[in-house]
């Protein structure tokens, strides 16, 4: 197919071709985004596997923020 074939299409067929191309391009960008997020999550999971077992069993260092006693007597 040469470049002139696109110009010789009927208007309806040209519009359908353009719309299909736009949808396929959008699907390609969406697939790229999803795969990049999956690769990032997979990398974080892989780094987590390299951590020693003791670090996974340690208490949460932010627990004091949650379990701090609230002052309820005003006197």
C-alpha atoms as a PDB file:
ATOM      1  CA  UNK A   1       0.000   0.000   0.000  1.00  0.00           C
ATOM      2  CA  UNK A   2       1.335   3.397  -0.885  1.00  0.00           C
ATOM      3  CA  UNK A   3       0.672   6.683   0.866  1.00  0.00           C
ATOM      4  CA  UNK A   4      -1.866   7.646  -1.794  1.00  0.00           C
ATOM      5  CA  UNK A   5      -4.145   4.730  -0.933  1.00  0.00           C
ATOM      6  CA  UNK A   6      -5.172   6.459   2.294  1.00  0.00           C
ATOM      7  CA  UNK A   7      -6.160   9.582   0.380  1.00  0.00           C
ATOM      8  CA  UNK A   8      -8.236   7.567  -2.082  1.00  0.00           C
ATOM      9  CA  UNK A   9     -10.409   5.941   0.595  1.00  0.00           C
ATOM     10  CA  UNK A  10     -14.018   6.854   1.073  1.00  0.00           C
ATOM     11  CA  UNK A  11     -14.544   9.333   3.938  1.00  0.00           C
ATOM     12  CA  UNK A  12     -16.303   6.762   6.132  1.00  0.00           C
ATOM     13  CA  UNK A  13     -13.581   4.166   5.656  1.00  0.00           C
ATOM     14  CA  UNK A  14     -10.876   6.747   6.326  1.00  0.00           C
ATOM     15  CA  UNK A  15     -12.617   7.798   9.547  1.00  0.00           C
ATOM     16  CA  UNK A  16     -12.944   4.174  10.683  1.00  0.00           C
ATOM     17  CA  UNK A  17      -9.273   3.542   9.912  1.00  0.00           C
ATOM     18  CA  UNK A  18      -8.231   6.645  11.824  1.00  0.00           C
ATOM     19  CA  UNK A  19     -10.437   5.728  14.801  1.00  0.00           C
ATOM     20  CA  UNK A  20      -9.099   2.161  14.863  1.00  0.00           C
ATOM     21  CA  UNK A  21      -5.529   3.483  14.765  1.00  0.00           C
ATOM     22  CA  UNK A  22      -6.227   5.856  17.657  1.00  0.00           C
ATOM     23  CA  UNK A  23      -7.800   3.075  19.734  1.00  0.00           C
ATOM     24  CA  UNK A  24      -4.897   0.718  19.054  1.00  0.00           C
ATOM     25  CA  UNK A  25      -2.383   3.425  19.938  1.00  0.00           C
ATOM     26  CA  UNK A  26      -4.241   4.105  23.195  1.00  0.00           C
ATOM     27  CA  UNK A  27      -4.322   0.402  23.998  1.00  0.00           C
ATOM     28  CA  UNK A  28      -0.588   0.239  23.362  1.00  0.00           C
ATOM     29  CA  UNK A  29       0.087   3.131  25.743  1.00  0.00           C
ATOM     30  CA  UNK A  30      -2.179   1.551  28.378  1.00  0.00           C
ATOM     31  CA  UNK A  31      -0.366  -1.785  28.031  1.00  0.00           C
ATOM     32  CA  UNK A  32       2.981  -0.021  28.385  1.00  0.00           C
ATOM     33  CA  UNK A  33       1.769   1.718  31.548  1.00  0.00           C
ATOM     34  CA  UNK A  34       0.398  -1.476  33.086  1.00  0.00           C
ATOM     35  CA  UNK A  35       3.570  -3.412  32.286  1.00  0.00           C
ATOM     36  CA  UNK A  36       5.775  -0.681  33.739  1.00  0.00           C
ATOM     37  CA  UNK A  37       3.750  -0.646  36.979  1.00  0.00           C
ATOM     38  CA  UNK A  38       3.965  -4.450  37.105  1.00  0.00           C
ATOM     39  CA  UNK A  39       7.744  -4.291  36.570  1.00  0.00           C
ATOM     40  CA  UNK A  40       8.080  -1.759  39.380  1.00  0.00           C
ATOM     41  CA  UNK A  41       6.037  -3.929  41.771  1.00  0.00           C
ATOM     42  CA  UNK A  42       8.018  -6.990  40.741  1.00  0.00           C
ATOM     43  CA  UNK A  43      11.284  -5.133  41.449  1.00  0.00           C
ATOM     44  CA  UNK A  44      10.071  -4.118  44.929  1.00  0.00           C
ATOM     45  CA  UNK A  45       9.010  -7.714  45.605  1.00  0.00           C
ATOM     46  CA  UNK A  46      12.434  -8.952  44.443  1.00  0.00           C
ATOM     47  CA  UNK A  47      14.237  -6.506  46.713  1.00  0.00           C
ATOM     48  CA  UNK A  48      12.021  -7.673  49.574  1.00  0.00           C
ATOM     49  CA  UNK A  49      13.207 -11.234  48.987  1.00  0.00           C
ATOM     50  CA  UNK A  50      16.806 -10.078  49.495  1.00  0.00           C
ATOM     51  CA  UNK A  51      16.093  -8.693  52.960  1.00  0.00           C
ATOM     52  CA  UNK A  52      17.073 -10.844  55.948  1.00  0.00           C
ATOM     53  CA  UNK A  53      14.309 -12.772  57.700  1.00  0.00           C
ATOM     54  CA  UNK A  54      14.867 -10.849  60.958  1.00  0.00           C
ATOM     55  CA  UNK A  55      13.801  -7.604  59.326  1.00  0.00           C
ATOM     56  CA  UNK A  56      10.504  -9.153  58.318  1.00  0.00           C
ATOM     57  CA  UNK A  57       9.756 -10.307  61.874  1.00  0.00           C
ATOM     58  CA  UNK A  58      10.771  -7.121  63.676  1.00  0.00           C
ATOM     59  CA  UNK A  59       8.055  -4.975  65.292  1.00  0.00           C
ATOM     60  CA  UNK A  60       6.781  -2.003  63.408  1.00  0.00           C
ATOM     61  CA  UNK A  61       9.009   1.014  64.101  1.00  0.00           C
ATOM     62  CA  UNK A  62       5.986   3.304  63.795  1.00  0.00           C
ATOM     63  CA  UNK A  63       3.935   1.433  66.409  1.00  0.00           C
ATOM     64  CA  UNK A  64       4.514   4.147  69.022  1.00  0.00           C
ATOM     65  CA  UNK A  65       2.456   6.518  66.869  1.00  0.00           C
ATOM     66  CA  UNK A  66      -0.550   4.228  67.124  1.00  0.00           C
ATOM     67  CA  UNK A  67      -0.223   2.895  70.687  1.00  0.00           C
ATOM     68  CA  UNK A  68       0.682   6.135  72.449  1.00  0.00           C
ATOM     69  CA  UNK A  69      -1.674   6.605  75.413  1.00  0.00           C
ATOM     70  CA  UNK A  70      -4.075   9.482  75.154  1.00  0.00           C
ATOM     71  CA  UNK A  71      -4.377  11.910  78.073  1.00  0.00           C
ATOM     72  CA  UNK A  72      -7.984  11.792  79.227  1.00  0.00           C
ATOM     73  CA  UNK A  73      -7.861  13.485  82.723  1.00  0.00           C
ATOM     74  CA  UNK A  74      -7.985  17.185  82.605  1.00  0.00           C
ATOM     75  CA  UNK A  75      -7.698  17.317  86.405  1.00  0.00           C
END
